[in-house]
Amino acid sequence: MTTPTTPDYAHGWQPATRYPDPAIVALDPSFEAYHLKLSAVERLATGCRWSEGPVWLGDSRIVVWSDIPNNRMLKWDEETGAVSVFRQPSNFAIW
């Protein structure tokens, strides 16, 4: 699987060391009701041009999302922590 260069804004990302995570900002105040202050954001993958989804498939214990411009769907496996191609080509699927 080839991935494009990681964008500049992604290089300095680090997991949160305190809560609430100061990197999570609601740009629209109406979204504050959905911000779980004791939750964390975890980066699963890089190299996607524009992603949409994700969906949790509990039977398989994977998260699947679409990388539409790259015409693929990716998956993250909970047991291994690995990210791999779920379907390619995906016919530019929007999950």
PDB file of N, CA and C in Angstrom:
ATOM      1  N   MET A   1       0.850  -1.161   0.000  1.00  0.00           N
ATOM      2  CA  MET A   1       0.000   0.000   0.000  1.00  0.00           C
ATOM      3  C   MET A   1       0.900   1.230   0.000  1.00  0.00           C
ATOM      4  N   THR A   2       0.697   2.103  -0.952  1.00  0.00           N
ATOM      5  CA  THR A   2       1.455   3.343  -0.985  1.00  0.00           C
ATOM      6  C   THR A   2       0.614   4.457  -0.394  1.00  0.00           C
ATOM      7  N   THR A   3       1.284   5.363   0.291  1.00  0.00           N
ATOM      8  CA  THR A   3       0.577   6.495   0.881  1.00  0.00           C
ATOM      9  C   THR A   3       1.283   7.769   0.485  1.00  0.00           C
ATOM     10  N   PRO A   4       0.532   8.854   0.271  1.00  0.00           N
ATOM     11  CA  PRO A   4       1.160  10.127  -0.055  1.00  0.00           C
ATOM     12  C   PRO A   4       1.924  10.680   1.141  1.00  0.00           C
ATOM     13  N   THR A   5       2.707  11.681   0.885  1.00  0.00           N
ATOM     14  CA  THR A   5       3.480  12.327   1.939  1.00  0.00           C
ATOM     15  C   THR A   5       2.554  12.863   3.021  1.00  0.00           C
ATOM     16  N   THR A   6       2.970  12.710   4.273  1.00  0.00           N
ATOM     17  CA  THR A   6       2.184  13.218   5.393  1.00  0.00           C
ATOM     18  C   THR A   6       2.168  14.739   5.342  1.00  0.00           C
ATOM     19  N   PRO A   7       0.990  15.366   5.432  1.00  0.00           N
ATOM     20  CA  PRO A   7       0.925  16.827   5.376  1.00  0.00           C
ATOM     21  C   PRO A   7       1.644  17.475   6.552  1.00  0.00           C
ATOM     22  N   ASP A   8       2.077  18.719   6.362  1.00  0.00           N
ATOM     23  CA  ASP A   8       2.829  19.439   7.389  1.00  0.00           C
ATOM     24  C   ASP A   8       2.101  19.504   8.721  1.00  0.00           C
ATOM     25  N   TYR A   9       0.787  19.735   8.696  1.00  0.00           N
ATOM     26  CA  TYR A   9       0.050  19.886   9.948  1.00  0.00           C
ATOM     27  C   TYR A   9      -0.001  18.593  10.753  1.00  0.00           C
ATOM     28  N   ALA A  10       0.291  17.467  10.153  1.00  0.00           N
ATOM     29  CA  ALA A  10       0.186  16.181  10.847  1.00  0.00           C
ATOM     30  C   ALA A  10       1.481  15.775  11.544  1.00  0.00           C
ATOM     31  N   HIS A  11       2.595  16.401  11.212  1.00  0.00           N
ATOM     32  CA  HIS A  11       3.878  15.964  11.762  1.00  0.00           C
ATOM     33  C   HIS A  11       4.003  16.159  13.263  1.00  0.00           C
ATOM     34  N   GLY A  12       3.411  17.201  13.803  1.00  0.00           N
ATOM     35  CA  GLY A  12       3.579  17.486  15.217  1.00  0.00           C
ATOM     36  C   GLY A  12       2.518  16.883  16.112  1.00  0.00           C
ATOM     37  N   TRP A  13       1.659  16.040  15.572  1.00  0.00           N
ATOM     38  CA  TRP A  13       0.569  15.487  16.374  1.00  0.00           C
ATOM     39  C   TRP A  13       1.101  14.562  17.454  1.00  0.00           C
ATOM     40  N   GLN A  14       0.576  14.708  18.654  1.00  0.00           N
ATOM     41  CA  GLN A  14       0.907  13.839  19.778  1.00  0.00           C
ATOM     42  C   GLN A  14      -0.381  13.498  20.512  1.00  0.00           C
ATOM     43  N   PRO A  15      -0.471  12.292  21.082  1.00  0.00           N
ATOM     44  CA  PRO A  15      -1.666  11.975  21.876  1.00  0.00           C
ATOM     45  C   PRO A  15      -1.771  12.934  23.064  1.00  0.00           C
ATOM     46  N   ALA A  16      -2.973  13.143  23.522  1.00  0.00           N
ATOM     47  CA  ALA A  16      -3.204  14.044  24.649  1.00  0.00           C
ATOM     48  C   ALA A  16      -2.549  13.500  25.914  1.00  0.00           C
ATOM     49  N   THR A  17      -1.978  14.402  26.697  1.00  0.00           N
ATOM     50  CA  THR A  17      -1.403  14.008  27.984  1.00  0.00           C
ATOM     51  C   THR A  17      -2.263  14.486  29.136  1.00  0.00           C
ATOM     52  N   ARG A  18      -3.278  15.294  28.828  1.00  0.00           N
ATOM     53  CA  ARG A  18      -4.200  15.761  29.861  1.00  0.00           C
ATOM     54  C   ARG A  18      -5.590  15.904  29.263  1.00  0.00           C
ATOM     55  N   TYR A  19      -6.556  15.942  30.143  1.00  0.00           N
ATOM     56  CA  TYR A  19      -7.943  16.043  29.707  1.00  0.00           C
ATOM     57  C   TYR A  19      -8.612  17.221  30.392  1.00  0.00           C
ATOM     58  N   PRO A  20      -9.469  17.961  29.727  1.00  0.00           N
ATOM     59  CA  PRO A  20      -9.833  17.762  28.334  1.00  0.00           C
ATOM     60  C   PRO A  20      -8.676  18.100  27.403  1.00  0.00           C
ATOM     61  N   ASP A  21      -8.626  17.449  26.269  1.00  0.00           N
ATOM     62  CA  ASP A  21      -7.563  17.629  25.283  1.00  0.00           C
ATOM     63  C   ASP A  21      -7.675  19.031  24.690  1.00  0.00           C
ATOM     64  N   PRO A  22      -6.649  19.870  24.870  1.00  0.00           N
ATOM     65  CA  PRO A  22      -6.729  21.241  24.362  1.00  0.00           C
ATOM     66  C   PRO A  22      -6.741  21.325  22.837  1.00  0.00           C
ATOM     67  N   ALA A  23      -6.370  20.241  22.152  1.00  0.00           N
ATOM     68  CA  ALA A  23      -6.361  20.246  20.687  1.00  0.00           C
ATOM     69  C   ALA A  23      -7.756  20.081  20.097  1.00  0.00           C
ATOM     70  N   ILE A  24      -8.723  19.676  20.907  1.00  0.00           N
ATOM     71  CA  ILE A  24     -10.089  19.491  20.414  1.00  0.00           C
ATOM     72  C   ILE A  24     -10.860  20.766  20.674  1.00  0.00           C
ATOM     73  N   VAL A  25     -11.235  21.423  19.603  1.00  0.00           N
ATOM     74  CA  VAL A  25     -11.923  22.701  19.692  1.00  0.00           C
ATOM     75  C   VAL A  25     -13.186  22.632  18.848  1.00  0.00           C
ATOM     76  N   ALA A  26     -14.308  22.983  19.425  1.00  0.00           N
ATOM     77  CA  ALA A  26     -15.566  23.055  18.674  1.00  0.00           C
ATOM     78  C   ALA A  26     -15.608  24.402  17.976  1.00  0.00           C
ATOM     79  N   LEU A  27     -15.583  24.393  16.659  1.00  0.00           N
ATOM     80  CA  LEU A  27     -15.630  25.646  15.904  1.00  0.00           C
ATOM     81  C   LEU A  27     -17.019  26.264  15.938  1.00  0.00           C
ATOM     82  N   ASP A  28     -18.015  25.421  16.117  1.00  0.00           N
ATOM     83  CA  ASP A  28     -19.399  25.888  16.238  1.00  0.00           C
ATOM     84  C   ASP A  28     -19.847  25.552  17.656  1.00  0.00           C
ATOM     85  N   PRO A  29     -20.215  26.528  18.459  1.00  0.00           N
ATOM     86  CA  PRO A  29     -20.596  26.271  19.850  1.00  0.00           C
ATOM     87  C   PRO A  29     -21.714  25.246  20.019  1.00  0.00           C
ATOM     88  N   SER A  30     -22.538  25.051  19.019  1.00  0.00           N
ATOM     89  CA  SER A  30     -23.617  24.071  19.144  1.00  0.00           C
ATOM     90  C   SER A  30     -23.081  22.635  19.228  1.00  0.00           C
ATOM     91  N   PHE A  31     -21.821  22.410  18.861  1.00  0.00           N
ATOM     92  CA  PHE A  31     -21.235  21.073  18.950  1.00  0.00           C
ATOM     93  C   PHE A  31     -20.669  20.761  20.333  1.00  0.00           C
ATOM     94  N   GLU A  32     -20.570  21.744  21.199  1.00  0.00           N
ATOM     95  CA  GLU A  32     -20.043  21.523  22.547  1.00  0.00           C
ATOM     96  C   GLU A  32     -20.826  20.452  23.301  1.00  0.00           C
ATOM     97  N   ALA A  33     -22.091  20.317  23.032  1.00  0.00           N
ATOM     98  CA  ALA A  33     -22.913  19.308  23.714  1.00  0.00           C
ATOM     99  C   ALA A  33     -22.448  17.885  23.395  1.00  0.00           C
ATOM    100  N   TYR A  34     -21.737  17.718  22.299  1.00  0.00           N
ATOM    101  CA  TYR A  34     -21.293  16.386  21.867  1.00  0.00           C
ATOM    102  C   TYR A  34     -19.842  16.105  22.234  1.00  0.00           C
ATOM    103  N   HIS A  35     -19.160  17.064  22.826  1.00  0.00           N
ATOM    104  CA  HIS A  35     -17.755  16.906  23.196  1.00  0.00           C
ATOM    105  C   HIS A  35     -17.658  16.202  24.541  1.00  0.00           C
ATOM    106  N   LEU A  36     -17.193  14.977  24.520  1.00  0.00           N
ATOM    107  CA  LEU A  36     -16.995  14.211  25.753  1.00  0.00           C
ATOM    108  C   LEU A  36     -15.631  14.598  26.318  1.00  0.00           C
ATOM    109  N   LYS A  37     -15.633  15.371  27.357  1.00  0.00           N
ATOM    110  CA  LYS A  37     -14.400  15.983  27.869  1.00  0.00           C
ATOM    111  C   LYS A  37     -13.351  14.979  28.338  1.00  0.00           C
ATOM    112  N   LEU A  38     -13.754  13.796  28.753  1.00  0.00           N
ATOM    113  CA  LEU A  38     -12.781  12.805  29.218  1.00  0.00           C
ATOM    114  C   LEU A  38     -12.427  11.781  28.147  1.00  0.00           C
ATOM    115  N   SER A  39     -12.735  12.091  26.897  1.00  0.00           N
ATOM    116  CA  SER A  39     -12.398  11.183  25.806  1.00  0.00           C
ATOM    117  C   SER A  39     -11.094  11.627  25.149  1.00  0.00           C
ATOM    118  N   ALA A  40     -10.498  10.726  24.417  1.00  0.00           N
ATOM    119  CA  ALA A  40      -9.240  11.011  23.739  1.00  0.00           C
ATOM    120  C   ALA A  40      -9.409  10.797  22.235  1.00  0.00           C
ATOM    121  N   VAL A  41      -8.590  11.485  21.485  1.00  0.00           N
ATOM    122  CA  VAL A  41      -8.530  11.294  20.046  1.00  0.00           C
ATOM    123  C   VAL A  41      -7.261  10.507  19.757  1.00  0.00           C
ATOM    124  N   GLU A  42      -7.396   9.458  19.002  1.00  0.00           N
ATOM    125  CA  GLU A  42      -6.251   8.615  18.665  1.00  0.00           C
ATOM    126  C   GLU A  42      -6.135   8.530  17.153  1.00  0.00           C
ATOM    127  N   ARG A  43      -4.972   8.846  16.629  1.00  0.00           N
ATOM    128  CA  ARG A  43      -4.746   8.743  15.194  1.00  0.00           C
ATOM    129  C   ARG A  43      -4.480   7.276  14.854  1.00  0.00           C
ATOM    130  N   LEU A  44      -5.260   6.760  13.922  1.00  0.00           N
ATOM    131  CA  LEU A  44      -5.096   5.379  13.494  1.00  0.00           C
ATOM    132  C   LEU A  44      -4.251   5.264  12.243  1.00  0.00           C
ATOM    133  N   ALA A  45      -4.287   6.277  11.384  1.00  0.00           N
ATOM    134  CA  ALA A  45      -3.572   6.189  10.108  1.00  0.00           C
ATOM    135  C   ALA A  45      -3.293   7.580   9.567  1.00  0.00           C
ATOM    136  N   THR A  46      -2.338   7.665   8.656  1.00  0.00           N
ATOM    137  CA  THR A  46      -2.066   8.874   7.903  1.00  0.00           C
ATOM    138  C   THR A  46      -2.035   8.485   6.428  1.00  0.00           C
ATOM    139  N   GLY A  47      -1.942   9.463   5.560  1.00  0.00           N
ATOM    140  CA  GLY A  47      -1.816   9.191   4.135  1.00  0.00           C
ATOM    141  C   GLY A  47      -3.121   9.229   3.365  1.00  0.00           C
ATOM    142  N   CYS A  48      -4.220   9.491   4.040  1.00  0.00           N
ATOM    143  CA  CYS A  48      -5.499   9.601   3.348  1.00  0.00           C
ATOM    144  C   CYS A  48      -5.626  11.026   2.823  1.00  0.00           C
ATOM    145  N   ARG A  49      -6.171  11.162   1.629  1.00  0.00           N
ATOM    146  CA  ARG A  49      -6.361  12.501   1.060  1.00  0.00           C
ATOM    147  C   ARG A  49      -7.638  13.141   1.576  1.00  0.00           C
ATOM    148  N   TRP A  50      -8.708  12.358   1.682  1.00  0.00           N
ATOM    149  CA  TRP A  50      -9.973  12.836   2.249  1.00  0.00           C
ATOM    150  C   TRP A  50     -10.727  11.601   2.708  1.00  0.00           C
ATOM    151  N   SER A  51     -10.932  11.482   3.988  1.00  0.00           N
ATOM    152  CA  SER A  51     -11.553  10.282   4.555  1.00  0.00           C
ATOM    153  C   SER A  51     -12.974  10.566   4.973  1.00  0.00           C
ATOM    154  N   GLU A  52     -13.794   9.520   4.915  1.00  0.00           N
ATOM    155  CA  GLU A  52     -15.163   9.626   5.376  1.00  0.00           C
ATOM    156  C   GLU A  52     -15.538   8.308   6.031  1.00  0.00           C
ATOM    157  N   GLY A  53     -16.378   8.364   6.982  1.00  0.00           N
ATOM    158  CA  GLY A  53     -16.759   7.229   7.789  1.00  0.00           C
ATOM    159  C   GLY A  53     -16.588   7.715   9.212  1.00  0.00           C
ATOM    160  N   PRO A  54     -16.043   7.026  10.067  1.00  0.00           N
ATOM    161  CA  PRO A  54     -15.759   5.589  10.052  1.00  0.00           C
ATOM    162  C   PRO A  54     -16.973   4.792  10.515  1.00  0.00           C
ATOM    163  N   VAL A  55     -16.872   3.488  10.353  1.00  0.00           N
ATOM    164  CA  VAL A  55     -17.915   2.603  10.868  1.00  0.00           C
ATOM    165  C   VAL A  55     -17.228   1.458  11.625  1.00  0.00           C
ATOM    166  N   TRP A  56     -17.788   1.097  12.763  1.00  0.00           N
ATOM    167  CA  TRP A  56     -17.281  -0.007  13.582  1.00  0.00           C
ATOM    168  C   TRP A  56     -18.038  -1.258  13.198  1.00  0.00           C
ATOM    169  N   LEU A  57     -17.322  -2.306  12.800  1.00  0.00           N
ATOM    170  CA  LEU A  57     -17.919  -3.601  12.492  1.00  0.00           C
ATOM    171  C   LEU A  57     -17.591  -4.528  13.657  1.00  0.00           C
ATOM    172  N   GLY A  58     -18.511  -4.620  14.597  1.00  0.00           N
ATOM    173  CA  GLY A  58     -18.278  -5.356  15.833  1.00  0.00           C
ATOM    174  C   GLY A  58     -18.009  -6.832  15.634  1.00  0.00           C
ATOM    175  N   ASP A  59     -18.645  -7.463  14.643  1.00  0.00           N
ATOM    176  CA  ASP A  59     -18.410  -8.887  14.396  1.00  0.00           C
ATOM    177  C   ASP A  59     -16.952  -9.159  14.045  1.00  0.00           C
ATOM    178  N   SER A  60     -16.350  -8.248  13.277  1.00  0.00           N
ATOM    179  CA  SER A  60     -14.970  -8.419  12.839  1.00  0.00           C
ATOM    180  C   SER A  60     -13.974  -7.675  13.715  1.00  0.00           C
ATOM    181  N   ARG A  61     -14.497  -6.803  14.600  1.00  0.00           N
ATOM    182  CA  ARG A  61     -13.659  -5.971  15.469  1.00  0.00           C
ATOM    183  C   ARG A  61     -12.707  -5.097  14.660  1.00  0.00           C
ATOM    184  N   ILE A  62     -13.280  -4.423  13.634  1.00  0.00           N
ATOM    185  CA  ILE A  62     -12.503  -3.522  12.805  1.00  0.00           C
ATOM    186  C   ILE A  62     -13.260  -2.207  12.626  1.00  0.00           C
ATOM    187  N   VAL A  63     -12.505  -1.164  12.343  1.00  0.00           N
ATOM    188  CA  VAL A  63     -13.056   0.128  11.941  1.00  0.00           C
ATOM    189  C   VAL A  63     -12.750   0.271  10.455  1.00  0.00           C
ATOM    190  N   VAL A  64     -13.767   0.620   9.666  1.00  0.00           N
ATOM    191  CA  VAL A  64     -13.598   0.791   8.224  1.00  0.00           C
ATOM    192  C   VAL A  64     -13.945   2.230   7.865  1.00  0.00           C
ATOM    193  N   TRP A  65     -13.150   2.827   6.974  1.00  0.00           N
ATOM    194  CA  TRP A  65     -13.451   4.169   6.473  1.00  0.00           C
ATOM    195  C   TRP A  65     -13.030   4.267   5.018  1.00  0.00           C
ATOM    196  N   SER A  66     -13.614   5.246   4.331  1.00  0.00           N
ATOM    197  CA  SER A  66     -13.324   5.467   2.920  1.00  0.00           C
ATOM    198  C   SER A  66     -12.265   6.537   2.761  1.00  0.00           C
ATOM    199  N   ASP A  67     -11.337   6.302   1.852  1.00  0.00           N
ATOM    200  CA  ASP A  67     -10.363   7.291   1.393  1.00  0.00           C
ATOM    201  C   ASP A  67     -10.746   7.549  -0.061  1.00  0.00           C
ATOM    202  N   ILE A  68     -11.726   8.419  -0.249  1.00  0.00           N
ATOM    203  CA  ILE A  68     -12.421   8.549  -1.520  1.00  0.00           C
ATOM    204  C   ILE A  68     -11.505   8.920  -2.689  1.00  0.00           C
ATOM    205  N   PRO A  69     -10.677   9.967  -2.618  1.00  0.00           N
ATOM    206  CA  PRO A  69      -9.847  10.309  -3.775  1.00  0.00           C
ATOM    207  C   PRO A  69      -8.846   9.214  -4.156  1.00  0.00           C
ATOM    208  N   ASN A  70      -8.428   8.411  -3.179  1.00  0.00           N
ATOM    209  CA  ASN A  70      -7.495   7.313  -3.465  1.00  0.00           C
ATOM    210  C   ASN A  70      -8.217   6.028  -3.871  1.00  0.00           C
ATOM    211  N   ASN A  71      -9.557   6.100  -4.000  1.00  0.00           N
ATOM    212  CA  ASN A  71     -10.374   4.981  -4.478  1.00  0.00           C
ATOM    213  C   ASN A  71     -10.119   3.710  -3.668  1.00  0.00           C
ATOM    214  N   ARG A  72     -10.159   3.852  -2.342  1.00  0.00           N
ATOM    215  CA  ARG A  72      -9.937   2.684  -1.482  1.00  0.00           C
ATOM    216  C   ARG A  72     -10.695   2.843  -0.174  1.00  0.00           C
ATOM    217  N   MET A  73     -10.875   1.720   0.484  1.00  0.00           N
ATOM    218  CA  MET A  73     -11.412   1.691   1.837  1.00  0.00           C
ATOM    219  C   MET A  73     -10.341   1.039   2.704  1.00  0.00           C
ATOM    220  N   LEU A  74     -10.123   1.601   3.867  1.00  0.00           N
ATOM    221  CA  LEU A  74      -9.112   1.085   4.782  1.00  0.00           C
ATOM    222  C   LEU A  74      -9.778   0.507   6.012  1.00  0.00           C
ATOM    223  N   LYS A  75      -9.032  -0.328   6.716  1.00  0.00           N
ATOM    224  CA  LYS A  75      -9.552  -0.903   7.959  1.00  0.00           C
ATOM    225  C   LYS A  75      -8.468  -0.876   9.017  1.00  0.00           C
ATOM    226  N   TRP A  76      -8.918  -0.728  10.258  1.00  0.00           N
ATOM    227  CA  TRP A  76      -8.052  -0.831  11.426  1.00  0.00           C
ATOM    228  C   TRP A  76      -8.538  -2.015  12.227  1.00  0.00           C
ATOM    229  N   ASP A  77      -7.628  -2.928  12.544  1.00  0.00           N
ATOM    230  CA  ASP A  77      -7.948  -4.143  13.279  1.00  0.00           C
ATOM    231  C   ASP A  77      -7.675  -3.926  14.762  1.00  0.00           C
ATOM    232  N   GLU A  78      -8.707  -4.086  15.590  1.00  0.00           N
ATOM    233  CA  GLU A  78      -8.558  -3.850  17.027  1.00  0.00           C
ATOM    234  C   GLU A  78      -7.558  -4.802  17.667  1.00  0.00           C
ATOM    235  N   GLU A  79      -7.533  -6.040  17.230  1.00  0.00           N
ATOM    236  CA  GLU A  79      -6.659  -7.036  17.860  1.00  0.00           C
ATOM    237  C   GLU A  79      -5.187  -6.791  17.566  1.00  0.00           C
ATOM    238  N   THR A  80      -4.854  -6.372  16.340  1.00  0.00           N
ATOM    239  CA  THR A  80      -3.453  -6.195  15.965  1.00  0.00           C
ATOM    240  C   THR A  80      -3.015  -4.741  15.955  1.00  0.00           C
ATOM    241  N   GLY A  81      -3.985  -3.815  15.859  1.00  0.00           N
ATOM    242  CA  GLY A  81      -3.653  -2.405  15.745  1.00  0.00           C
ATOM    243  C   GLY A  81      -3.162  -2.020  14.358  1.00  0.00           C
ATOM    244  N   ALA A  82      -3.232  -2.955  13.416  1.00  0.00           N
ATOM    245  CA  ALA A  82      -2.735  -2.721  12.057  1.00  0.00           C
ATOM    246  C   ALA A  82      -3.786  -2.065  11.180  1.00  0.00           C
ATOM    247  N   VAL A  83      -3.327  -1.215  10.277  1.00  0.00           N
ATOM    248  CA  VAL A  83      -4.177  -0.603   9.259  1.00  0.00           C
ATOM    249  C   VAL A  83      -3.808  -1.231   7.923  1.00  0.00           C
ATOM    250  N   SER A  84      -4.828  -1.626   7.164  1.00  0.00           N
ATOM    251  CA  SER A  84      -4.595  -2.217   5.855  1.00  0.00           C
ATOM    252  C   SER A  84      -5.751  -1.878   4.928  1.00  0.00           C
ATOM    253  N   VAL A  85      -5.586  -2.231   3.665  1.00  0.00           N
ATOM    254  CA  VAL A  85      -6.628  -1.974   2.679  1.00  0.00           C
ATOM    255  C   VAL A  85      -7.770  -2.959   2.897  1.00  0.00           C
ATOM    256  N   PHE A  86      -8.971  -2.438   2.974  1.00  0.00           N
ATOM    257  CA  PHE A  86     -10.175  -3.254   3.102  1.00  0.00           C
ATOM    258  C   PHE A  86     -10.724  -3.584   1.714  1.00  0.00           C
ATOM    259  N   ARG A  87     -10.737  -2.593   0.825  1.00  0.00           N
ATOM    260  CA  ARG A  87     -11.201  -2.791  -0.550  1.00  0.00           C
ATOM    261  C   ARG A  87     -10.541  -1.754  -1.446  1.00  0.00           C
ATOM    262  N   GLN A  88      -9.962  -2.220  -2.558  1.00  0.00           N
ATOM    263  CA  GLN A  88      -9.387  -1.322  -3.547  1.00  0.00           C
ATOM    264  C   GLN A  88      -9.410  -2.002  -4.896  1.00  0.00           C
ATOM    265  N   PRO A  89     -10.032  -1.453  -5.891  1.00  0.00           N
ATOM    266  CA  PRO A  89     -10.707  -0.173  -5.888  1.00  0.00           C
ATOM    267  C   PRO A  89     -12.043  -0.267  -5.151  1.00  0.00           C
ATOM    268  N   SER A  90     -12.466   0.863  -4.672  1.00  0.00           N
ATOM    269  CA  SER A  90     -13.737   0.899  -3.929  1.00  0.00           C
ATOM    270  C   SER A  90     -14.838   1.583  -4.741  1.00  0.00           C
ATOM    271  N   ASN A  91     -14.525   1.925  -5.996  1.00  0.00           N
ATOM    272  CA  ASN A  91     -15.452   2.675  -6.839  1.00  0.00           C
ATOM    273  C   ASN A  91     -15.829   3.995  -6.195  1.00  0.00           C
ATOM    274  N   PHE A  92     -14.835   4.595  -5.508  1.00  0.00           N
ATOM    275  CA  PHE A  92     -14.992   5.889  -4.844  1.00  0.00           C
ATOM    276  C   PHE A  92     -16.156   5.878  -3.866  1.00  0.00           C
ATOM    277  N   ALA A  93     -16.257   4.764  -3.143  1.00  0.00           N
ATOM    278  CA  ALA A  93     -17.355   4.553  -2.207  1.00  0.00           C
ATOM    279  C   ALA A  93     -17.341   5.558  -1.075  1.00  0.00           C
ATOM    280  N   ILE A  94     -18.517   5.994  -0.697  1.00  0.00           N
ATOM    281  CA  ILE A  94     -18.711   6.783   0.510  1.00  0.00           C
ATOM    282  C   ILE A  94     -19.418   5.850   1.474  1.00  0.00           C
ATOM    283  N   TRP A  95     -18.712   5.428   2.481  1.00  0.00           N
ATOM    284  CA  TRP A  95     -19.228   4.401   3.395  1.00  0.00           C
ATOM    285  C   TRP A  95     -20.528   4.794   3.887  1.00  0.00           C
TER     286      TRP A  95
END
